[in-house]
């Protein structure tokens, strides 16, 4: 007779590289790194701020995914930090455009729609944007980044909603440990 399977205390955690939110955040980081190198002065503190915000967006998704094994609460917090970092980066790109009297593309402009379509393709990465980032003026590259940050933020908002629902349904590690311990006690009491 086979023993019933015990509930897992530590659930499998996902592969963050497979997450669309991570892929989009990585693309935003790659573009931001190059944007800052091309269009901002070396001593400009904005460079550090923008690169760090882009990096934080990407890295907190990765860290949250790995922390999910023991803490859904920590995963949720870190993904929310990623979202907040990308919002900060969004403001930096808007500032860049505003102080240069450059326009932010309208959401329905042909340029914005082109970037959204390209950015929505499966497996899209920096290579699909390299030519634009390396040859277009700063105003164009900033607008491309804005479009992609909006996509990343949308994905993170959806991910946060899913994490909230999973937490409400499954609880955290302490709750799983309590359920598992109670189940083990009940099983032991049934044998005696």
C-alpha atoms as a PDB file:
ATOM      1  CA  UNK A   1       0.000   0.000   0.000  1.00  0.00           C
ATOM      2  CA  UNK A   2       1.327   3.390  -1.015  1.00  0.00           C
ATOM      3  CA  UNK A   3       1.563   6.216   1.495  1.00  0.00           C
ATOM      4  CA  UNK A   4      -0.520   9.281   0.696  1.00  0.00           C
ATOM      5  CA  UNK A   5       1.621  12.127  -0.570  1.00  0.00           C
ATOM      6  CA  UNK A   6       2.410  14.713   2.084  1.00  0.00           C
ATOM      7  CA  UNK A   7       1.767  18.351   1.263  1.00  0.00           C
ATOM      8  CA  UNK A   8       4.943  20.147   0.244  1.00  0.00           C
ATOM      9  CA  UNK A   9       6.278  22.675   2.700  1.00  0.00           C
ATOM     10  CA  UNK A  10       8.517  24.300   0.140  1.00  0.00           C
ATOM     11  CA  UNK A  11       6.775  24.527  -3.213  1.00  0.00           C
ATOM     12  CA  UNK A  12       8.706  24.530  -6.432  1.00  0.00           C
ATOM     13  CA  UNK A  13       9.681  28.029  -7.382  1.00  0.00           C
ATOM     14  CA  UNK A  14       9.580  29.343 -10.892  1.00  0.00           C
ATOM     15  CA  UNK A  15      12.231  30.099 -13.394  1.00  0.00           C
ATOM     16  CA  UNK A  16      12.353  33.910 -13.395  1.00  0.00           C
ATOM     17  CA  UNK A  17      14.002  33.983 -16.829  1.00  0.00           C
ATOM     18  CA  UNK A  18      10.813  32.478 -18.278  1.00  0.00           C
ATOM     19  CA  UNK A  19       8.662  35.274 -16.825  1.00  0.00           C
ATOM     20  CA  UNK A  20       7.565  37.839 -19.401  1.00  0.00           C
ATOM     21  CA  UNK A  21       7.868  40.522 -16.748  1.00  0.00           C
ATOM     22  CA  UNK A  22      11.538  39.630 -16.207  1.00  0.00           C
ATOM     23  CA  UNK A  23      12.256  39.504 -19.935  1.00  0.00           C
ATOM     24  CA  UNK A  24      10.683  42.926 -20.424  1.00  0.00           C
ATOM     25  CA  UNK A  25      12.519  44.371 -17.408  1.00  0.00           C
ATOM     26  CA  UNK A  26      15.806  43.005 -18.755  1.00  0.00           C
ATOM     27  CA  UNK A  27      15.122  44.678 -22.108  1.00  0.00           C
ATOM     28  CA  UNK A  28      14.372  47.957 -20.312  1.00  0.00           C
ATOM     29  CA  UNK A  29      17.670  47.631 -18.401  1.00  0.00           C
ATOM     30  CA  UNK A  30      19.655  46.982 -21.588  1.00  0.00           C
ATOM     31  CA  UNK A  31      18.114  49.989 -23.323  1.00  0.00           C
ATOM     32  CA  UNK A  32      18.537  52.232 -20.283  1.00  0.00           C
ATOM     33  CA  UNK A  33      22.207  51.317 -19.861  1.00  0.00           C
ATOM     34  CA  UNK A  34      22.908  52.250 -23.467  1.00  0.00           C
ATOM     35  CA  UNK A  35      20.648  55.310 -23.397  1.00  0.00           C
ATOM     36  CA  UNK A  36      22.527  56.743 -20.427  1.00  0.00           C
ATOM     37  CA  UNK A  37      25.861  56.064 -22.110  1.00  0.00           C
ATOM     38  CA  UNK A  38      24.803  57.860 -25.298  1.00  0.00           C
ATOM     39  CA  UNK A  39      22.712  60.764 -24.092  1.00  0.00           C
ATOM     40  CA  UNK A  40      23.662  61.685 -20.520  1.00  0.00           C
ATOM     41  CA  UNK A  41      26.944  63.140 -19.266  1.00  0.00           C
ATOM     42  CA  UNK A  42      29.378  60.944 -17.384  1.00  0.00           C
ATOM     43  CA  UNK A  43      29.182  63.022 -14.198  1.00  0.00           C
ATOM     44  CA  UNK A  44      25.389  63.275 -14.293  1.00  0.00           C
ATOM     45  CA  UNK A  45      23.876  61.663 -11.187  1.00  0.00           C
ATOM     46  CA  UNK A  46      20.827  60.824 -13.271  1.00  0.00           C
ATOM     47  CA  UNK A  47      22.896  58.134 -14.992  1.00  0.00           C
ATOM     48  CA  UNK A  48      23.404  56.235 -11.745  1.00  0.00           C
ATOM     49  CA  UNK A  49      19.773  56.754 -10.745  1.00  0.00           C
ATOM     50  CA  UNK A  50      18.349  55.532 -14.039  1.00  0.00           C
ATOM     51  CA  UNK A  51      20.652  52.545 -14.405  1.00  0.00           C
ATOM     52  CA  UNK A  52      20.025  51.563 -10.787  1.00  0.00           C
ATOM     53  CA  UNK A  53      16.237  51.897 -11.166  1.00  0.00           C
ATOM     54  CA  UNK A  54      16.332  49.738 -14.310  1.00  0.00           C
ATOM     55  CA  UNK A  55      18.592  47.212 -12.598  1.00  0.00           C
ATOM     56  CA  UNK A  56      16.369  47.137  -9.519  1.00  0.00           C
ATOM     57  CA  UNK A  57      13.344  46.454 -11.697  1.00  0.00           C
ATOM     58  CA  UNK A  58      15.029  43.401 -13.177  1.00  0.00           C
ATOM     59  CA  UNK A  59      16.878  42.107 -10.125  1.00  0.00           C
ATOM     60  CA  UNK A  60      13.938  42.306  -7.726  1.00  0.00           C
ATOM     61  CA  UNK A  61      11.875  40.081 -10.012  1.00  0.00           C
ATOM     62  CA  UNK A  62      14.685  37.512  -9.946  1.00  0.00           C
ATOM     63  CA  UNK A  63      15.153  37.768  -6.183  1.00  0.00           C
ATOM     64  CA  UNK A  64      11.415  37.599  -5.536  1.00  0.00           C
ATOM     65  CA  UNK A  65      11.085  34.506  -7.672  1.00  0.00           C
ATOM     66  CA  UNK A  66      13.825  32.740  -5.745  1.00  0.00           C
ATOM     67  CA  UNK A  67      12.431  33.911  -2.381  1.00  0.00           C
ATOM     68  CA  UNK A  68       9.033  32.489  -3.304  1.00  0.00           C
ATOM     69  CA  UNK A  69      10.113  29.053  -2.174  1.00  0.00           C
ATOM     70  CA  UNK A  70      10.014  30.084   1.465  1.00  0.00           C
ATOM     71  CA  UNK A  71       8.085  33.340   1.467  1.00  0.00           C
ATOM     72  CA  UNK A  72       5.191  34.374  -0.736  1.00  0.00           C
ATOM     73  CA  UNK A  73       5.125  37.571   1.291  1.00  0.00           C
ATOM     74  CA  UNK A  74       8.739  38.345   0.348  1.00  0.00           C
ATOM     75  CA  UNK A  75       8.059  37.490  -3.285  1.00  0.00           C
ATOM     76  CA  UNK A  76       5.127  39.892  -3.335  1.00  0.00           C
ATOM     77  CA  UNK A  77       7.185  42.635  -1.676  1.00  0.00           C
ATOM     78  CA  UNK A  78      10.099  42.247  -4.071  1.00  0.00           C
ATOM     79  CA  UNK A  79       7.935  42.187  -7.188  1.00  0.00           C
ATOM     80  CA  UNK A  80       6.262  45.340  -5.892  1.00  0.00           C
ATOM     81  CA  UNK A  81       9.720  46.918  -5.409  1.00  0.00           C
ATOM     82  CA  UNK A  82      10.496  46.008  -9.026  1.00  0.00           C
ATOM     83  CA  UNK A  83       7.282  47.722 -10.091  1.00  0.00           C
ATOM     84  CA  UNK A  84       8.111  50.828  -8.040  1.00  0.00           C
ATOM     85  CA  UNK A  85      11.633  50.982  -9.494  1.00  0.00           C
ATOM     86  CA  UNK A  86      10.305  50.903 -13.033  1.00  0.00           C
ATOM     87  CA  UNK A  87       7.828  53.647 -12.159  1.00  0.00           C
ATOM     88  CA  UNK A  88      10.775  55.755 -10.965  1.00  0.00           C
ATOM     89  CA  UNK A  89      12.554  55.050 -14.246  1.00  0.00           C
ATOM     90  CA  UNK A  90       9.434  56.038 -16.177  1.00  0.00           C
ATOM     91  CA  UNK A  91       9.512  59.424 -14.420  1.00  0.00           C
ATOM     92  CA  UNK A  92      13.205  59.853 -15.307  1.00  0.00           C
ATOM     93  CA  UNK A  93      12.532  59.278 -19.005  1.00  0.00           C
ATOM     94  CA  UNK A  94       9.579  61.688 -18.882  1.00  0.00           C
ATOM     95  CA  UNK A  95      11.828  64.255 -17.180  1.00  0.00           C
ATOM     96  CA  UNK A  96      14.433  63.798 -19.911  1.00  0.00           C
ATOM     97  CA  UNK A  97      11.825  64.577 -22.553  1.00  0.00           C
ATOM     98  CA  UNK A  98      10.139  67.405 -20.637  1.00  0.00           C
ATOM     99  CA  UNK A  99      13.279  69.434 -19.884  1.00  0.00           C
ATOM    100  CA  UNK A 100      14.306  69.172 -23.542  1.00  0.00           C
ATOM    101  CA  UNK A 101      10.855  70.289 -24.719  1.00  0.00           C
ATOM    102  CA  UNK A 102      10.469  66.960 -26.522  1.00  0.00           C
ATOM    103  CA  UNK A 103       7.127  65.248 -26.913  1.00  0.00           C
ATOM    104  CA  UNK A 104       6.039  62.021 -25.260  1.00  0.00           C
ATOM    105  CA  UNK A 105       4.505  59.863 -27.963  1.00  0.00           C
ATOM    106  CA  UNK A 106       0.753  59.540 -27.797  1.00  0.00           C
ATOM    107  CA  UNK A 107      -0.253  55.996 -26.912  1.00  0.00           C
ATOM    108  CA  UNK A 108      -1.997  55.607 -30.267  1.00  0.00           C
ATOM    109  CA  UNK A 109       0.727  57.187 -32.408  1.00  0.00           C
ATOM    110  CA  UNK A 110       2.112  54.978 -35.163  1.00  0.00           C
ATOM    111  CA  UNK A 111       5.513  54.976 -33.429  1.00  0.00           C
ATOM    112  CA  UNK A 112       4.111  53.858 -30.077  1.00  0.00           C
ATOM    113  CA  UNK A 113       1.968  51.179 -31.715  1.00  0.00           C
ATOM    114  CA  UNK A 114       5.027  49.903 -33.617  1.00  0.00           C
ATOM    115  CA  UNK A 115       7.087  49.636 -30.419  1.00  0.00           C
ATOM    116  CA  UNK A 116       4.199  47.943 -28.560  1.00  0.00           C
ATOM    117  CA  UNK A 117       3.750  45.378 -31.341  1.00  0.00           C
ATOM    118  CA  UNK A 118       7.472  44.664 -31.523  1.00  0.00           C
ATOM    119  CA  UNK A 119       7.755  44.539 -27.740  1.00  0.00           C
ATOM    120  CA  UNK A 120       4.820  42.124 -27.454  1.00  0.00           C
ATOM    121  CA  UNK A 121       6.441  39.456 -29.628  1.00  0.00           C
ATOM    122  CA  UNK A 122       7.477  36.262 -27.888  1.00  0.00           C
ATOM    123  CA  UNK A 123      11.157  36.124 -27.021  1.00  0.00           C
ATOM    124  CA  UNK A 124      11.852  39.735 -27.960  1.00  0.00           C
ATOM    125  CA  UNK A 125      15.102  41.055 -26.579  1.00  0.00           C
ATOM    126  CA  UNK A 126      17.590  43.841 -27.046  1.00  0.00           C
ATOM    127  CA  UNK A 127      18.691  42.644 -30.489  1.00  0.00           C
ATOM    128  CA  UNK A 128      15.291  43.568 -31.926  1.00  0.00           C
ATOM    129  CA  UNK A 129      15.791  47.121 -30.614  1.00  0.00           C
ATOM    130  CA  UNK A 130      19.565  47.504 -31.050  1.00  0.00           C
ATOM    131  CA  UNK A 131      19.456  49.477 -34.299  1.00  0.00           C
ATOM    132  CA  UNK A 132      16.916  51.959 -32.901  1.00  0.00           C
ATOM    133  CA  UNK A 133      18.810  52.420 -29.638  1.00  0.00           C
ATOM    134  CA  UNK A 134      22.187  52.851 -31.326  1.00  0.00           C
ATOM    135  CA  UNK A 135      21.140  55.118 -34.219  1.00  0.00           C
ATOM    136  CA  UNK A 136      18.087  57.196 -33.235  1.00  0.00           C
ATOM    137  CA  UNK A 137      18.120  60.494 -31.323  1.00  0.00           C
ATOM    138  CA  UNK A 138      17.612  60.581 -27.559  1.00  0.00           C
ATOM    139  CA  UNK A 139      13.979  61.660 -27.835  1.00  0.00           C
ATOM    140  CA  UNK A 140      13.142  58.573 -29.896  1.00  0.00           C
ATOM    141  CA  UNK A 141      15.054  56.181 -27.639  1.00  0.00           C
ATOM    142  CA  UNK A 142      13.430  57.702 -24.535  1.00  0.00           C
ATOM    143  CA  UNK A 143       9.993  57.184 -26.059  1.00  0.00           C
ATOM    144  CA  UNK A 144      10.836  53.605 -26.985  1.00  0.00           C
ATOM    145  CA  UNK A 145      11.868  53.033 -23.368  1.00  0.00           C
ATOM    146  CA  UNK A 146       8.621  54.602 -22.129  1.00  0.00           C
ATOM    147  CA  UNK A 147       6.563  52.213 -24.258  1.00  0.00           C
ATOM    148  CA  UNK A 148       8.491  49.193 -23.005  1.00  0.00           C
ATOM    149  CA  UNK A 149       8.334  50.300 -19.365  1.00  0.00           C
ATOM    150  CA  UNK A 150       4.569  50.607 -19.694  1.00  0.00           C
ATOM    151  CA  UNK A 151       4.484  47.025 -20.977  1.00  0.00           C
ATOM    152  CA  UNK A 152       6.699  45.819 -18.130  1.00  0.00           C
ATOM    153  CA  UNK A 153       4.565  47.666 -15.581  1.00  0.00           C
ATOM    154  CA  UNK A 154       1.395  46.114 -16.974  1.00  0.00           C
ATOM    155  CA  UNK A 155       2.944  42.649 -16.702  1.00  0.00           C
ATOM    156  CA  UNK A 156       4.115  43.344 -13.140  1.00  0.00           C
ATOM    157  CA  UNK A 157       0.663  44.616 -12.157  1.00  0.00           C
ATOM    158  CA  UNK A 158      -0.817  41.340 -13.425  1.00  0.00           C
ATOM    159  CA  UNK A 159       1.870  39.336 -11.639  1.00  0.00           C
ATOM    160  CA  UNK A 160       1.189  41.159  -8.362  1.00  0.00           C
ATOM    161  CA  UNK A 161      -2.540  40.391  -8.665  1.00  0.00           C
ATOM    162  CA  UNK A 162      -1.755  36.709  -9.233  1.00  0.00           C
ATOM    163  CA  UNK A 163       0.633  36.637  -6.271  1.00  0.00           C
ATOM    164  CA  UNK A 164      -1.999  38.230  -4.038  1.00  0.00           C
ATOM    165  CA  UNK A 165      -4.548  35.601  -5.090  1.00  0.00           C
ATOM    166  CA  UNK A 166      -2.067  32.757  -4.575  1.00  0.00           C
ATOM    167  CA  UNK A 167      -1.236  34.062  -1.107  1.00  0.00           C
ATOM    168  CA  UNK A 168      -4.907  34.280  -0.171  1.00  0.00           C
ATOM    169  CA  UNK A 169      -5.519  30.759  -1.464  1.00  0.00           C
ATOM    170  CA  UNK A 170      -2.395  28.974  -0.215  1.00  0.00           C
ATOM    171  CA  UNK A 171      -1.132  31.135   2.623  1.00  0.00           C
ATOM    172  CA  UNK A 172       2.471  31.452   3.593  1.00  0.00           C
ATOM    173  CA  UNK A 173       5.131  29.054   4.797  1.00  0.00           C
ATOM    174  CA  UNK A 174       4.000  29.108   8.447  1.00  0.00           C
ATOM    175  CA  UNK A 175       0.471  28.168   7.440  1.00  0.00           C
ATOM    176  CA  UNK A 176       1.722  25.350   5.190  1.00  0.00           C
ATOM    177  CA  UNK A 177       3.990  24.120   7.997  1.00  0.00           C
ATOM    178  CA  UNK A 178       1.071  24.101  10.457  1.00  0.00           C
ATOM    179  CA  UNK A 179      -1.183  22.242   7.996  1.00  0.00           C
ATOM    180  CA  UNK A 180       1.573  19.718   7.265  1.00  0.00           C
ATOM    181  CA  UNK A 181       2.289  19.167  10.962  1.00  0.00           C
ATOM    182  CA  UNK A 182      -1.408  18.694  11.758  1.00  0.00           C
ATOM    183  CA  UNK A 183      -1.740  16.246   8.857  1.00  0.00           C
ATOM    184  CA  UNK A 184       1.314  14.310  10.086  1.00  0.00           C
ATOM    185  CA  UNK A 185      -0.128  14.157  13.627  1.00  0.00           C
ATOM    186  CA  UNK A 186      -3.470  12.943  12.317  1.00  0.00           C
ATOM    187  CA  UNK A 187      -1.706  10.283  10.250  1.00  0.00           C
ATOM    188  CA  UNK A 188       0.364   9.168  13.269  1.00  0.00           C
ATOM    189  CA  UNK A 189      -2.733   9.062  15.486  1.00  0.00           C
ATOM    190  CA  UNK A 190      -4.454   6.878  12.889  1.00  0.00           C
ATOM    191  CA  UNK A 191      -1.644   4.309  13.074  1.00  0.00           C
ATOM    192  CA  UNK A 192      -1.648   4.006  16.841  1.00  0.00           C
END
